Every structure is written in C-alpha cells, then in structure tokens.
Amino acid sequence: MKLVLACDHRGYDAKRKLVPVLKKMGHEVEDFGCEGTTAVDYPDFAAPAARAVAAGKFEAGILFDGSGIGMSVVANKIGGVRAALVHDEVTARRAREHNHCNILCLGTDLLSEDQIRDITQIFLTTPFGEGRHTHRVQKVNDIEQQGRTGG
C-alpha cells in the first residue's frame, strides 16, 4: 500500500519508529514531516498529507500528534478524507470496516509503541465491509458535497 505519514513535534518519535515497521510490512511510505521535536503547527503537516490522500496520490495516511485530535480535525476539513481518531484495535477495525476511513490519526501521548503498531496493522489490513455500510458512507459523502455547495 502507498502511504503518506505526517506528524507534529509530539508525534515525531512515534512516526520515526513506525516507518521501518511499515516498510518491513511491504508498504511504500512517504513522509510529509515534521522532522524533529521542535514545536511546530500541526495544520502545516496534516493538510498537505490529507490533500495528497484526497487527490488519490496515496491509498491511506497516518497522522500523529499528542492527542490525535488536532490532526483529525484538520484532515477532516479536506474533501474526500474520512479521518478517524483511533485509540484501540476495535476503533481501528471499525474505522475501516464501517466508515471506509482513509486516514488514521493517532494520539502518541496516549498510546504505547506496541499499541501504535497493532492499531496501524489492523487499520491497514481491514477491508471496507460494504453492504449496509456503503449507503451510510455515501450519506457522509453527500453531506460533504452539500457543504461545498451550501446545500
């Protein structure tokens, strides 16, 4: 899978540790920053990564910050993105299976390295459930489209 990763300063260490794991799993990874633990503004990294997923340049994205909230808020402002703030294996599976999410947001202050690895693996390997979920995801897409046109 072709993946984009981005983080703020609070998510940098977790991102740095996850990249080799993702590559070992066979994923192609592009890093949109940041590049260290000096304070930065999360929207500067979340928005370009989310836009790249929405444009179809990447199959999915993984965004890291301290709580995961900031990255998820920014990513969900981008049309075509369904970003999920995930805290455990159950929500990782549901994000993909029920909501067809294309961006995983992780709060690195709240999760261990093992949890991040396990959540990521589940998120990336769980297929969309289709069936009754297709209709619901389409409703979300319709709402997004109405928001663009003021309808």
Protein backbone atom coordinates (compact mmCIF):
# COMPACT_ATOMS: atom_id res chain seq x y z
CA MET A 1 0.00 0.00 0.00
CA LYS A 2 1.22 3.51 -0.76
CA LEU A 3 1.06 5.54 2.47
CA VAL A 4 1.67 9.14 3.49
CA LEU A 5 2.75 9.95 7.04
CA ALA A 6 2.83 13.28 8.83
CA CYS A 7 3.20 14.47 12.39
CA ASP A 8 3.78 17.41 14.63
CA HIS A 9 6.58 17.57 17.19
CA ARG A 10 4.65 15.44 19.69
CA GLY A 11 4.19 12.65 17.14
CA TYR A 12 7.69 12.71 15.67
CA ASP A 13 9.21 9.88 17.73
CA ALA A 14 6.28 7.54 17.12
CA LYS A 15 6.33 8.25 13.39
CA ARG A 16 10.08 7.69 13.21
CA LYS A 17 9.69 4.30 14.95
CA LEU A 18 6.75 3.19 12.79
CA VAL A 19 8.33 3.90 9.38
CA PRO A 20 10.65 0.85 9.37
CA VAL A 21 7.81 -1.37 10.59
CA LEU A 22 5.61 -0.21 7.71
CA LYS A 23 8.39 -0.77 5.18
CA LYS A 24 9.02 -4.25 6.58
CA MET A 25 5.30 -4.94 6.08
CA GLY A 26 5.82 -4.08 2.40
CA HIS A 27 4.27 -0.61 2.33
CA GLU A 28 5.66 2.29 0.35
CA VAL A 29 5.95 5.26 2.72
CA GLU A 30 6.32 8.97 2.03
CA ASP A 31 7.00 11.26 4.97
CA PHE A 32 5.46 14.75 4.86
CA GLY A 33 7.20 15.83 8.09
CA CYS A 34 7.81 17.21 10.60
CA GLU A 35 11.45 16.37 11.09
CA GLY A 36 12.07 16.73 14.80
CA THR A 37 10.77 17.51 18.25
CA THR A 38 10.96 21.31 18.00
CA ALA A 39 7.44 22.78 18.31
CA VAL A 40 5.58 23.14 15.00
CA ASP A 41 1.97 23.78 13.98
CA TYR A 42 0.12 20.54 13.18
CA PRO A 43 -2.05 22.04 10.37
CA ASP A 44 1.10 22.69 8.34
CA PHE A 45 1.67 18.94 8.08
CA ALA A 46 -1.83 17.46 8.36
CA ALA A 47 -3.33 19.46 5.49
CA PRO A 48 -0.79 18.58 2.77
CA ALA A 49 -0.88 14.91 3.75
CA ALA A 50 -4.68 14.83 3.74
CA ARG A 51 -4.82 16.63 0.40
CA ALA A 52 -2.47 14.03 -1.08
CA VAL A 53 -4.77 11.20 0.09
CA ALA A 54 -7.86 13.02 -1.22
CA ALA A 55 -6.14 13.51 -4.59
CA GLY A 56 -5.51 9.76 -4.85
CA LYS A 57 -1.72 10.02 -4.66
CA PHE A 58 -1.77 7.71 -1.63
CA GLU A 59 -4.10 4.90 -0.62
CA ALA A 60 -4.09 5.95 3.03
CA GLY A 61 -2.47 8.27 5.50
CA ILE A 62 -1.29 8.09 9.09
CA LEU A 63 -1.11 11.27 11.14
CA PHE A 64 0.46 11.60 14.59
CA ASP A 65 0.22 14.23 17.30
CA GLY A 66 -0.02 14.24 21.08
CA SER A 67 -3.75 13.59 21.34
CA GLY A 68 -4.62 12.87 17.69
CA ILE A 69 -7.38 15.47 17.87
CA GLY A 70 -5.70 18.31 16.00
CA MET A 71 -4.59 16.15 13.10
CA SER A 72 -8.05 14.57 12.78
CA VAL A 73 -9.81 17.94 12.82
CA VAL A 74 -7.56 19.30 10.06
CA ALA A 75 -7.69 16.15 7.93
CA ASN A 76 -11.49 16.06 8.05
CA LYS A 77 -11.64 19.60 6.63
CA ILE A 78 -10.29 18.22 3.34
CA GLY A 79 -12.95 16.98 0.92
CA GLY A 80 -12.63 13.28 0.20
CA VAL A 81 -10.98 12.48 3.51
CA ARG A 82 -12.51 10.33 6.20
CA ALA A 83 -10.03 10.55 9.05
CA ALA A 84 -10.50 8.53 12.23
CA LEU A 85 -9.00 9.27 15.62
CA VAL A 86 -8.33 5.74 16.83
CA HIS A 87 -7.48 4.62 20.36
CA ASP A 88 -7.60 0.84 20.20
CA GLU A 89 -7.95 -2.22 17.99
CA VAL A 90 -11.76 -2.06 17.96
CA THR A 91 -11.91 1.52 16.70
CA ALA A 92 -9.17 0.78 14.15
CA ARG A 93 -11.23 -2.05 12.70
CA ARG A 94 -14.49 -0.08 12.76
CA ALA A 95 -12.87 2.94 11.11
CA ARG A 96 -12.08 0.86 8.03
CA GLU A 97 -14.86 -1.73 8.07
CA HIS A 98 -17.81 0.56 8.83
CA ASN A 99 -16.64 4.05 7.84
CA HIS A 100 -14.19 3.35 4.99
CA CYS A 101 -11.69 5.76 6.57
CA ASN A 102 -8.62 6.61 4.56
CA ILE A 103 -6.61 8.39 7.26
CA LEU A 104 -5.61 7.04 10.65
CA CYS A 105 -4.97 9.64 13.38
CA LEU A 106 -3.05 8.59 16.46
CA GLY A 107 -2.52 10.32 19.80
CA THR A 108 1.02 9.40 20.65
CA ASP A 109 0.81 10.66 24.25
CA LEU A 110 -1.97 8.14 24.86
CA LEU A 111 -0.62 5.02 23.15
CA SER A 112 2.39 2.75 23.58
CA GLU A 113 4.68 1.85 20.71
CA ASP A 114 3.13 -1.64 20.63
CA GLN A 115 -0.39 -0.22 20.55
CA ILE A 116 0.52 2.10 17.68
CA ARG A 117 1.98 -0.79 15.72
CA ASP A 118 -1.02 -3.07 16.38
CA ILE A 119 -3.61 -0.38 15.64
CA THR A 120 -1.84 0.54 12.41
CA GLN A 121 -1.66 -3.05 11.24
CA ILE A 122 -5.36 -3.58 11.89
CA PHE A 123 -6.29 -0.31 10.17
CA LEU A 124 -4.25 -1.17 7.07
CA THR A 125 -5.43 -4.77 6.74
CA THR A 126 -9.14 -4.37 7.48
CA PRO A 127 -11.25 -4.13 4.32
CA PHE A 128 -14.33 -1.96 3.94
CA GLY A 129 -17.38 -4.00 4.95
CA GLU A 130 -19.58 -2.68 2.13
CA GLY A 131 -23.19 -3.87 2.38
CA ARG A 132 -25.19 -1.63 4.69
CA HIS A 133 -22.10 0.49 5.30
CA THR A 134 -21.89 1.60 1.67
CA HIS A 135 -25.16 3.50 1.97
CA ARG A 136 -24.00 5.21 5.16
CA VAL A 137 -20.66 6.26 3.71
CA GLN A 138 -22.50 7.64 0.68
CA LYS A 139 -24.63 9.74 3.03
CA VAL A 140 -21.44 11.15 4.53
CA ASN A 141 -20.16 11.93 1.03
CA ASP A 142 -23.46 13.64 0.20
CA ILE A 143 -23.22 15.81 3.32
CA GLU A 144 -19.68 16.75 2.38
CA GLN A 145 -20.82 17.72 -1.12
CA GLN A 146 -23.71 19.79 0.28
CA GLY A 147 -21.22 21.62 2.48
CA ARG A 148 -19.18 22.60 -0.58
CA THR A 149 -22.20 23.93 -2.42
CA GLY A 150 -24.02 25.41 0.56
CA GLY A 151 -26.92 22.99 0.00
